[in-house]
C-alpha atoms as a PDB file:
ATOM      1  CA  UNK A   1      20.216 101.437  87.995  1.00  0.00           C
ATOM      2  CA  UNK A   2      17.278  99.610  86.432  1.00  0.00           C
ATOM      3  CA  UNK A   3      18.706 100.593  82.937  1.00  0.00           C
ATOM      4  CA  UNK A   4      22.042  99.110  83.716  1.00  0.00           C
ATOM      5  CA  UNK A   5      20.470  95.774  84.962  1.00  0.00           C
ATOM      6  CA  UNK A   6      18.926  95.854  81.333  1.00  0.00           C
ATOM      7  CA  UNK A   7      22.219  96.356  79.747  1.00  0.00           C
ATOM      8  CA  UNK A   8      23.300  93.466  81.280  1.00  0.00           C
ATOM      9  CA  UNK A   9      20.468  91.588  78.967  1.00  0.00           C
ATOM     10  CA  UNK A  10      18.179  90.773  81.937  1.00  0.00           C
ATOM     11  CA  UNK A  11      15.127  92.241  83.789  1.00  0.00           C
ATOM     12  CA  UNK A  12      15.649  93.310  87.171  1.00  0.00           C
ATOM     13  CA  UNK A  13      14.396  91.189  89.517  1.00  0.00           C
ATOM     14  CA  UNK A  14      12.701  92.674  92.752  1.00  0.00           C
ATOM     15  CA  UNK A  15      11.294  92.145  96.052  1.00  0.00           C
ATOM     16  CA  UNK A  16       7.763  92.744  97.405  1.00  0.00           C
ATOM     17  CA  UNK A  17       7.797  94.210 100.864  1.00  0.00           C
ATOM     18  CA  UNK A  18       4.450  95.281 102.833  1.00  0.00           C
ATOM     19  CA  UNK A  19       3.206  96.507 106.407  1.00  0.00           C
ATOM     20  CA  UNK A  20       0.507  93.508 108.197  1.00  0.00           C
ATOM     21  CA  UNK A  21      -2.165  94.958 110.124  1.00  0.00           C
ATOM     22  CA  UNK A  22      -3.644  93.287 113.333  1.00  0.00           C
ATOM     23  CA  UNK A  23      -1.357  90.370 111.556  1.00  0.00           C
ATOM     24  CA  UNK A  24      -3.009  89.769 108.161  1.00  0.00           C
ATOM     25  CA  UNK A  25      -1.060  88.851 105.695  1.00  0.00           C
ATOM     26  CA  UNK A  26      -1.453  92.398 103.266  1.00  0.00           C
ATOM     27  CA  UNK A  27      -2.210  90.542 100.432  1.00  0.00           C
ATOM     28  CA  UNK A  28      -3.830  93.604  98.407  1.00  0.00           C
ATOM     29  CA  UNK A  29      -0.497  95.500  98.795  1.00  0.00           C
ATOM     30  CA  UNK A  30       1.512  92.756  98.019  1.00  0.00           C
ATOM     31  CA  UNK A  31      -0.364  91.916  94.784  1.00  0.00           C
ATOM     32  CA  UNK A  32      -0.056  95.394  93.404  1.00  0.00           C
ATOM     33  CA  UNK A  33       3.625  95.453  94.092  1.00  0.00           C
ATOM     34  CA  UNK A  34       3.581  92.129  91.653  1.00  0.00           C
ATOM     35  CA  UNK A  35       1.457  93.737  89.295  1.00  0.00           C
ATOM     36  CA  UNK A  36       3.587  96.982  89.113  1.00  0.00           C
ATOM     37  CA  UNK A  37       6.885  95.209  88.869  1.00  0.00           C
ATOM     38  CA  UNK A  38       5.300  92.860  86.414  1.00  0.00           C
ATOM     39  CA  UNK A  39       3.951  96.348  84.127  1.00  0.00           C
ATOM     40  CA  UNK A  40       7.789  97.433  84.143  1.00  0.00           C
ATOM     41  CA  UNK A  41       8.703  94.339  83.243  1.00  0.00           C
ATOM     42  CA  UNK A  42      10.436  93.285  85.894  1.00  0.00           C
ATOM     43  CA  UNK A  43      11.118  89.897  87.522  1.00  0.00           C
ATOM     44  CA  UNK A  44       9.122  89.513  90.452  1.00  0.00           C
ATOM     45  CA  UNK A  45      10.716  87.055  92.926  1.00  0.00           C
ATOM     46  CA  UNK A  46       8.156  84.351  94.359  1.00  0.00           C
ATOM     47  CA  UNK A  47       7.246  84.137  98.130  1.00  0.00           C
ATOM     48  CA  UNK A  48      10.747  83.412  99.119  1.00  0.00           C
ATOM     49  CA  UNK A  49      11.597  87.427  98.016  1.00  0.00           C
ATOM     50  CA  UNK A  50       7.746  88.760  99.745  1.00  0.00           C
ATOM     51  CA  UNK A  51       8.585  89.994 103.307  1.00  0.00           C
ATOM     52  CA  UNK A  52       5.923  91.826 105.572  1.00  0.00           C
ATOM     53  CA  UNK A  53       6.490  93.232 108.843  1.00  0.00           C
ATOM     54  CA  UNK A  54       3.841  94.382 111.245  1.00  0.00           C
ATOM     55  CA  UNK A  55       2.662  98.064 111.097  1.00  0.00           C
ATOM     56  CA  UNK A  56       4.100 100.649 113.779  1.00  0.00           C
ATOM     57  CA  UNK A  57       7.658  98.798 114.055  1.00  0.00           C
ATOM     58  CA  UNK A  58       9.299 102.331 113.910  1.00  0.00           C
ATOM     59  CA  UNK A  59      12.996 102.135 112.291  1.00  0.00           C
ATOM     60  CA  UNK A  60      13.077  99.443 109.782  1.00  0.00           C
ATOM     61  CA  UNK A  61      16.692  98.524 110.096  1.00  0.00           C
ATOM     62  CA  UNK A  62      15.449  97.074 112.998  1.00  0.00           C
ATOM     63  CA  UNK A  63      12.410  94.879 111.237  1.00  0.00           C
ATOM     64  CA  UNK A  64      12.860  91.348 110.501  1.00  0.00           C
ATOM     65  CA  UNK A  65      11.279  91.965 106.695  1.00  0.00           C
ATOM     66  CA  UNK A  66      13.082  95.004 105.867  1.00  0.00           C
ATOM     67  CA  UNK A  67      16.919  93.255 106.661  1.00  0.00           C
ATOM     68  CA  UNK A  68      15.877  90.064 104.957  1.00  0.00           C
ATOM     69  CA  UNK A  69      14.805  92.450 102.073  1.00  0.00           C
ATOM     70  CA  UNK A  70      18.146  94.196 102.257  1.00  0.00           C
ATOM     71  CA  UNK A  71      19.989  90.502 102.451  1.00  0.00           C
ATOM     72  CA  UNK A  72      18.797  89.417  99.300  1.00  0.00           C
ATOM     73  CA  UNK A  73      20.026  92.635  97.596  1.00  0.00           C
ATOM     74  CA  UNK A  74      23.151  92.353  99.327  1.00  0.00           C
ATOM     75  CA  UNK A  75      23.953  88.743  98.391  1.00  0.00           C
ATOM     76  CA  UNK A  76      22.718  89.721  95.074  1.00  0.00           C
ATOM     77  CA  UNK A  77      19.036  87.918  94.333  1.00  0.00           C
ATOM     78  CA  UNK A  78      17.421  90.604  93.918  1.00  0.00           C
ATOM     79  CA  UNK A  79      18.310  94.460  92.244  1.00  0.00           C
ATOM     80  CA  UNK A  80      15.166  96.289  94.096  1.00  0.00           C
ATOM     81  CA  UNK A  81      12.325  96.397  95.801  1.00  0.00           C
ATOM     82  CA  UNK A  82       8.081  97.237  95.159  1.00  0.00           C
ATOM     83  CA  UNK A  83       6.629  99.263  98.080  1.00  0.00           C
ATOM     84  CA  UNK A  84       2.908 100.721  98.217  1.00  0.00           C
ATOM     85  CA  UNK A  85       3.784 104.317  99.086  1.00  0.00           C
ATOM     86  CA  UNK A  86       7.184 105.405 100.842  1.00  0.00           C
ATOM     87  CA  UNK A  87       5.243 105.191 104.259  1.00  0.00           C
ATOM     88  CA  UNK A  88       5.990 101.379 104.110  1.00  0.00           C
ATOM     89  CA  UNK A  89       9.826 102.034 104.575  1.00  0.00           C
ATOM     90  CA  UNK A  90       9.253 105.033 107.239  1.00  0.00           C
ATOM     91  CA  UNK A  91       6.972 107.722 107.976  1.00  0.00           C
ATOM     92  CA  UNK A  92       9.675 110.040 108.891  1.00  0.00           C
ATOM     93  CA  UNK A  93      11.792 111.386 105.983  1.00  0.00           C
ATOM     94  CA  UNK A  94      14.582 111.304 107.106  1.00  0.00           C
ATOM     95  CA  UNK A  95      14.591 107.459 107.569  1.00  0.00           C
ATOM     96  CA  UNK A  96      13.438 107.240 104.648  1.00  0.00           C
ATOM     97  CA  UNK A  97      16.182 109.091 102.711  1.00  0.00           C
ATOM     98  CA  UNK A  98      18.700 107.130 104.854  1.00  0.00           C
ATOM     99  CA  UNK A  99      16.676 103.873 103.344  1.00  0.00           C
ATOM    100  CA  UNK A 100      16.998 105.404  99.913  1.00  0.00           C
ATOM    101  CA  UNK A 101      20.730 105.951 100.351  1.00  0.00           C
ATOM    102  CA  UNK A 102      21.838 102.657 101.712  1.00  0.00           C
ATOM    103  CA  UNK A 103      20.164 101.107  98.656  1.00  0.00           C
ATOM    104  CA  UNK A 104      22.452 103.844  96.625  1.00  0.00           C
ATOM    105  CA  UNK A 105      25.277 102.284  97.630  1.00  0.00           C
ATOM    106  CA  UNK A 106      24.426  98.793  97.094  1.00  0.00           C
ATOM    107  CA  UNK A 107      23.290  99.583  93.119  1.00  0.00           C
ATOM    108  CA  UNK A 108      19.222  98.735  93.955  1.00  0.00           C
ATOM    109  CA  UNK A 109      16.622 100.443  93.551  1.00  0.00           C
ATOM    110  CA  UNK A 110      13.097 101.406  95.611  1.00  0.00           C
ATOM    111  CA  UNK A 111      10.376 101.560  93.510  1.00  0.00           C
ATOM    112  CA  UNK A 112       7.017 103.328  95.159  1.00  0.00           C
ATOM    113  CA  UNK A 113       3.905 102.699  93.424  1.00  0.00           C
ATOM    114  CA  UNK A 114       2.419 106.118  94.868  1.00  0.00           C
ATOM    115  CA  UNK A 115       4.970 108.448  96.665  1.00  0.00           C
ATOM    116  CA  UNK A 116       3.227 110.401  99.451  1.00  0.00           C
ATOM    117  CA  UNK A 117       3.208 114.423  98.746  1.00  0.00           C
ATOM    118  CA  UNK A 118       4.524 115.094 102.660  1.00  0.00           C
ATOM    119  CA  UNK A 119       7.549 113.176 102.191  1.00  0.00           C
ATOM    120  CA  UNK A 120       8.737 115.680  99.347  1.00  0.00           C
ATOM    121  CA  UNK A 121       9.160 113.218  97.248  1.00  0.00           C
ATOM    122  CA  UNK A 122       6.646 114.175  94.065  1.00  0.00           C
END
């Protein structure tokens, strides 16, 4: 997916997504996502492409922030999303895999800074 975007002559555009704990903005996670994206020469969206949800919301499809990430992808404003770990999307392998399939169907990507071994992604 990333190579296809670059072949069109532009840098991939990404959203940042993180979970907040106790109502606090997850600045460290969002900053890490931005740093990761810049290191990969991706275009990082500003606050309008930065999304969060409260930690503990079980189904990613029901979270407001995650739905907004998907909306950015569907509208063509972003080519992918950057998260710190797979568990930010879902701690359940099945739900995580469903999200990966959704992104694949929409010709988009999920970039995970630190994949977790228990998700079977390493």
